[in-house]
Every structure is written in C-alpha cells, then in structure tokens.
C-alpha cells in the first residue's frame, strides 16, 4: 500500500513592499519588509506565529535640524563636516490566523486572514566615521522617535501549491492599522512631544515561498 501525504505545517519566507499611511506616512516613506511565518495546518484553517522586519531609506522628518549650520550641514567632533543618514527600522510580531478557500480541487486557493500583533518603528542613524557626538551611545535615543503599540493586520492572498508540493508560493496584500505611542520620555529636538500617540497605517504587497512539512496517514490494511 502507498501512504498518502497531507500538509501538517507550513514554513513561509516572504519579501514585500509597503506604503505608509496616516501618521506613519508623515514620518517615513515607502519601504521593504522581510517576513517569516510558521503555520499549523488544520483543515482549511492555519494558525501560527509571524514576524515582519521593516527597512527603508526615506525618513521625512529631520530630527537633527536644530544641530545643523545655516547651510544645512552637520559638524563632527573633529570639527569637520560629517554625514548622518536616516533609516527606517521596524517590526511587527503577531499571531496569524488564515482561512483557506480552495478553488474546487485545483492547486489554487484564496486566503483571508488576520494578524493581531505588536508594532514597533524607529529611526536608525548611520554616521560614517562615527564622528557626530550628539548621536553617540545613548544620546541617539533622544532623536530616534522609537514608537510601539498594538496593531491589527488584515490580509488576502492567492496561494498556489503544486501536486508534487515542490512549488508553493503566495502573493499577498496586507493592510495594517496600529495605535502606537512614542516611548521616549523626551526627544531633544522637540521636548514637548512627550509620550505622544500615533495612528499608523501600512499597505503592502508580499511574495512568499512556502515549504510544507508533510505527514503520512495510516496506510490501509491489506488482507491476503
């Protein structure tokens, strides 16, 4: 007798692109994301932890403006002009729940899901030569706008799984809403910000490669 196989777990690895909305868009521009998810397959339902990492080079808010010269330059500790680049960094950690709707008995299906989680984002500074004193060590926390809070993500995806289970991928649309709070007690460039609240929105497109973990059912008994 030949054992039949069924999907037990799914390991997903994704790369995506996101646009900011609401307060998030006031501070950051479009950016990329990496995603890793492990899902337990239970019939047409999927459940498991998911992690997203955000990275981008567009930061619209110049938090070092009060430290610039009239010409817009920054002066390092060696009294020479220095360059400080701003980068977006962030993450979303949560629990994903998916409902799969299979198109007849084909390899195609549509997924609808939710992911409640914890959203974080901040500004990362890159200073070649490490010569700009105001952002050295813990001082950078006085400018980094570190924010975090609860979020909810809705997703819809097209899922393909070949009969051999060797080619498996998803194309996914996501929309994330977050209620975050500025977690630093003070930001040196704007001391009156305090623990301000923000409403963040993220709209994204993600392509995922999926590795299914299979298990076999008990073979039929054969009598001779």
Protein backbone atom coordinates (compact mmCIF):
# COMPACT_ATOMS: atom_id res chain seq x y z
CA UNK A 1 0.00 0.00 0.00
CA UNK A 2 1.14 3.53 -0.72
CA UNK A 3 0.90 6.10 2.07
CA UNK A 4 -0.97 9.30 1.30
CA UNK A 5 0.57 12.60 2.39
CA UNK A 6 -1.06 15.69 3.81
CA UNK A 7 0.31 19.09 4.83
CA UNK A 8 0.85 19.38 8.57
CA UNK A 9 2.90 22.60 8.94
CA UNK A 10 3.86 25.48 6.63
CA UNK A 11 7.09 27.49 6.79
CA UNK A 12 6.76 30.78 4.88
CA UNK A 13 9.50 33.21 3.84
CA UNK A 14 8.48 36.47 2.19
CA UNK A 15 9.78 39.72 0.72
CA UNK A 16 7.48 42.68 0.31
CA UNK A 17 6.99 46.38 -0.33
CA UNK A 18 4.88 48.73 1.80
CA UNK A 19 3.45 52.24 1.68
CA UNK A 20 2.86 54.23 4.84
CA UNK A 21 -0.46 55.84 5.67
CA UNK A 22 -1.79 58.21 8.35
CA UNK A 23 0.85 59.31 10.92
CA UNK A 24 3.34 56.70 9.68
CA UNK A 25 3.37 58.40 6.28
CA UNK A 26 4.17 61.76 7.88
CA UNK A 27 7.47 60.38 9.16
CA UNK A 28 8.50 57.60 6.75
CA UNK A 29 8.27 56.79 3.06
CA UNK A 30 7.86 53.53 1.16
CA UNK A 31 9.99 50.66 2.40
CA UNK A 32 10.73 46.96 2.15
CA UNK A 33 9.97 44.11 4.51
CA UNK A 34 11.10 40.57 5.24
CA UNK A 35 8.67 38.07 6.73
CA UNK A 36 8.91 34.68 8.38
CA UNK A 37 5.87 32.64 9.45
CA UNK A 38 5.25 29.15 10.82
CA UNK A 39 1.67 27.87 10.49
CA UNK A 40 -0.12 24.81 11.79
CA UNK A 41 -2.46 23.44 9.13
CA UNK A 42 -5.86 22.34 10.50
CA UNK A 43 -8.11 21.53 7.57
CA UNK A 44 -8.93 24.83 5.89
CA UNK A 45 -7.55 26.86 8.85
CA UNK A 46 -3.96 27.96 9.51
CA UNK A 47 -2.59 29.29 12.80
CA UNK A 48 0.88 30.30 13.96
CA UNK A 49 3.43 32.99 14.89
CA UNK A 50 4.61 35.54 12.33
CA UNK A 51 7.41 38.12 12.28
CA UNK A 52 7.97 41.05 9.90
CA UNK A 53 11.06 43.26 9.70
CA UNK A 54 10.85 46.70 8.03
CA UNK A 55 13.70 48.63 6.44
CA UNK A 56 13.79 51.80 4.34
CA UNK A 57 15.92 54.81 3.44
CA UNK A 58 13.21 57.51 3.34
CA UNK A 59 12.72 59.46 6.57
CA UNK A 60 10.78 62.68 6.04
CA UNK A 61 11.31 64.18 9.49
CA UNK A 62 14.70 65.88 10.00
CA UNK A 63 15.20 65.27 13.72
CA UNK A 64 18.71 66.81 13.62
CA UNK A 65 17.60 70.14 12.16
CA UNK A 66 18.40 72.16 15.34
CA UNK A 67 22.01 70.92 15.14
CA UNK A 68 22.62 71.94 11.54
CA UNK A 69 24.51 75.02 10.37
CA UNK A 70 22.61 77.72 8.43
CA UNK A 71 23.76 75.93 5.29
CA UNK A 72 22.21 72.65 6.48
CA UNK A 73 25.48 70.87 7.33
CA UNK A 74 26.47 68.88 10.42
CA UNK A 75 29.81 69.37 12.19
CA UNK A 76 31.55 66.33 13.73
CA UNK A 77 33.69 66.14 16.84
CA UNK A 78 36.77 66.60 14.64
CA UNK A 79 35.35 69.99 13.52
CA UNK A 80 34.88 68.66 10.00
CA UNK A 81 31.69 68.29 8.01
CA UNK A 82 30.08 64.94 8.64
CA UNK A 83 27.22 62.98 7.13
CA UNK A 84 24.38 61.36 9.05
CA UNK A 85 21.90 59.26 7.09
CA UNK A 86 18.47 58.37 8.44
CA UNK A 87 16.99 54.89 8.02
CA UNK A 88 13.63 53.42 8.91
CA UNK A 89 13.68 50.28 11.02
CA UNK A 90 10.64 48.47 12.38
CA UNK A 91 8.96 45.16 13.06
CA UNK A 92 5.59 43.53 13.60
CA UNK A 93 5.30 40.41 15.77
CA UNK A 94 1.97 38.64 15.94
CA UNK A 95 -0.20 35.56 15.63
CA UNK A 96 -1.60 34.87 12.17
CA UNK A 97 -4.96 33.17 11.56
CA UNK A 98 -5.86 32.22 7.96
CA UNK A 99 -8.93 30.72 6.34
CA UNK A 100 -8.29 28.92 3.04
CA UNK A 101 -10.91 28.74 0.31
CA UNK A 102 -9.83 26.18 -2.27
CA UNK A 103 -10.92 26.62 -5.88
CA UNK A 104 -12.61 23.24 -6.47
CA UNK A 105 -9.89 20.58 -6.25
CA UNK A 106 -7.21 22.53 -8.09
CA UNK A 107 -3.80 23.73 -6.92
CA UNK A 108 -5.18 27.26 -6.47
CA UNK A 109 -6.80 28.79 -3.40
CA UNK A 110 -7.60 32.14 -1.80
CA UNK A 111 -6.65 33.00 1.77
CA UNK A 112 -8.26 35.53 4.10
CA UNK A 113 -6.59 36.24 7.41
CA UNK A 114 -5.98 38.38 10.46
CA UNK A 115 -2.83 39.04 12.46
CA UNK A 116 -3.08 40.85 15.80
CA UNK A 117 0.36 41.88 16.98
CA UNK A 118 2.82 44.39 18.39
CA UNK A 119 4.18 47.07 16.03
CA UNK A 120 7.46 48.94 16.56
CA UNK A 121 9.34 51.50 14.45
CA UNK A 122 12.23 53.90 14.92
CA UNK A 123 14.91 55.95 13.13
CA UNK A 124 18.36 54.41 12.75
CA UNK A 125 21.33 56.73 12.25
CA UNK A 126 24.28 55.92 10.01
CA UNK A 127 27.31 58.15 10.56
CA UNK A 128 30.46 57.10 8.64
CA UNK A 129 33.44 57.65 10.90
CA UNK A 130 31.21 57.87 13.99
CA UNK A 131 32.26 61.49 14.49
CA UNK A 132 28.92 63.15 15.27
CA UNK A 133 28.82 63.38 19.07
CA UNK A 134 25.10 64.17 19.63
CA UNK A 135 24.01 60.70 18.45
CA UNK A 136 26.75 58.62 20.05
CA UNK A 137 25.80 55.97 22.58
CA UNK A 138 22.55 56.53 24.45
CA UNK A 139 22.23 60.10 23.09
CA UNK A 140 20.74 58.72 19.86
CA UNK A 141 17.64 57.69 21.83
CA UNK A 142 16.86 61.37 22.24
CA UNK A 143 16.22 61.62 18.49
CA UNK A 144 15.18 58.16 17.26
CA UNK A 145 11.36 58.51 17.66
CA UNK A 146 11.05 54.93 18.94
CA UNK A 147 7.34 54.07 18.95
CA UNK A 148 5.39 50.90 19.67
CA UNK A 149 1.85 49.69 20.24
CA UNK A 150 -0.84 47.18 19.36
CA UNK A 151 -1.73 46.60 15.73
CA UNK A 152 -4.10 44.57 13.57
CA UNK A 153 -3.27 43.32 10.09
CA UNK A 154 -5.80 42.05 7.53
CA UNK A 155 -4.55 40.00 4.60
CA UNK A 156 -5.82 38.45 1.38
CA UNK A 157 -3.61 36.13 -0.68
CA UNK A 158 -3.52 33.93 -3.75
CA UNK A 159 -1.99 30.57 -2.89
CA UNK A 160 -0.55 28.00 -5.30
CA UNK A 161 0.55 24.51 -4.31
CA UNK A 162 1.64 22.05 -6.97
CA UNK A 163 0.56 18.41 -6.89
CA UNK A 164 4.16 17.41 -6.12
CA UNK A 165 4.23 20.01 -3.29
CA UNK A 166 7.61 21.22 -4.57
CA UNK A 167 6.37 24.56 -5.98
CA UNK A 168 4.41 26.53 -3.40
CA UNK A 169 4.01 30.30 -3.23
CA UNK A 170 1.67 33.12 -2.25
CA UNK A 171 1.03 36.65 -3.48
CA UNK A 172 -0.43 38.60 -0.59
CA UNK A 173 -2.00 42.01 0.02
CA UNK A 174 -1.92 43.35 3.58
CA UNK A 175 -3.31 46.35 5.42
CA UNK A 176 -2.06 47.11 8.93
CA UNK A 177 -3.51 49.58 11.43
CA UNK A 178 -1.51 50.44 14.53
CA UNK A 179 -2.06 52.57 17.62
CA UNK A 180 1.50 53.36 18.70
CA UNK A 181 2.97 55.59 21.38
CA UNK A 182 6.30 57.46 21.38
CA UNK A 183 8.16 55.54 24.10
CA UNK A 184 10.94 58.05 24.83
CA UNK A 185 10.25 60.48 27.67
CA UNK A 186 11.92 63.28 25.74
CA UNK A 187 13.13 63.98 22.21
CA UNK A 188 15.88 66.59 22.25
CA UNK A 189 14.75 68.40 19.11
CA UNK A 190 11.11 68.58 20.29
CA UNK A 191 10.97 68.31 24.10
CA UNK A 192 7.21 68.90 24.12
CA UNK A 193 6.44 65.69 22.20
CA UNK A 194 6.33 63.62 25.38
CA UNK A 195 4.63 60.23 25.05
CA UNK A 196 2.55 61.28 22.04
CA UNK A 197 0.12 58.85 20.41
CA UNK A 198 0.07 57.98 16.71
CA UNK A 199 -2.29 56.23 14.32
CA UNK A 200 -0.21 54.27 11.82
CA UNK A 201 -1.29 52.62 8.57
CA UNK A 202 0.65 50.28 6.27
CA UNK A 203 -0.44 48.89 2.91
CA UNK A 204 1.76 46.18 1.44
CA UNK A 205 2.36 43.57 -1.25
CA UNK A 206 4.33 40.43 -0.31
CA UNK A 207 5.57 37.44 -2.32
CA UNK A 208 6.17 34.30 -0.26
CA UNK A 209 7.90 30.99 -0.84
CA UNK A 210 6.37 28.16 1.19
CA UNK A 211 7.95 24.97 2.50
CA UNK A 212 5.28 22.44 3.53
CA UNK A 213 6.02 19.88 6.25
CA UNK A 214 4.12 16.73 5.41
CA UNK A 215 2.86 13.78 7.40
CA UNK A 216 1.51 10.46 6.18
CA UNK A 217 -1.82 8.95 7.05
CA UNK A 218 -2.03 5.38 8.31
CA UNK A 219 -1.93 3.01 5.33
CA UNK A 220 -4.93 0.83 4.63
CA UNK A 221 -4.73 -2.67 5.98
CA UNK A 222 -4.26 -5.32 3.35
CA UNK A 223 -5.54 -8.84 3.91
CA UNK A 224 -4.20 -11.83 2.00
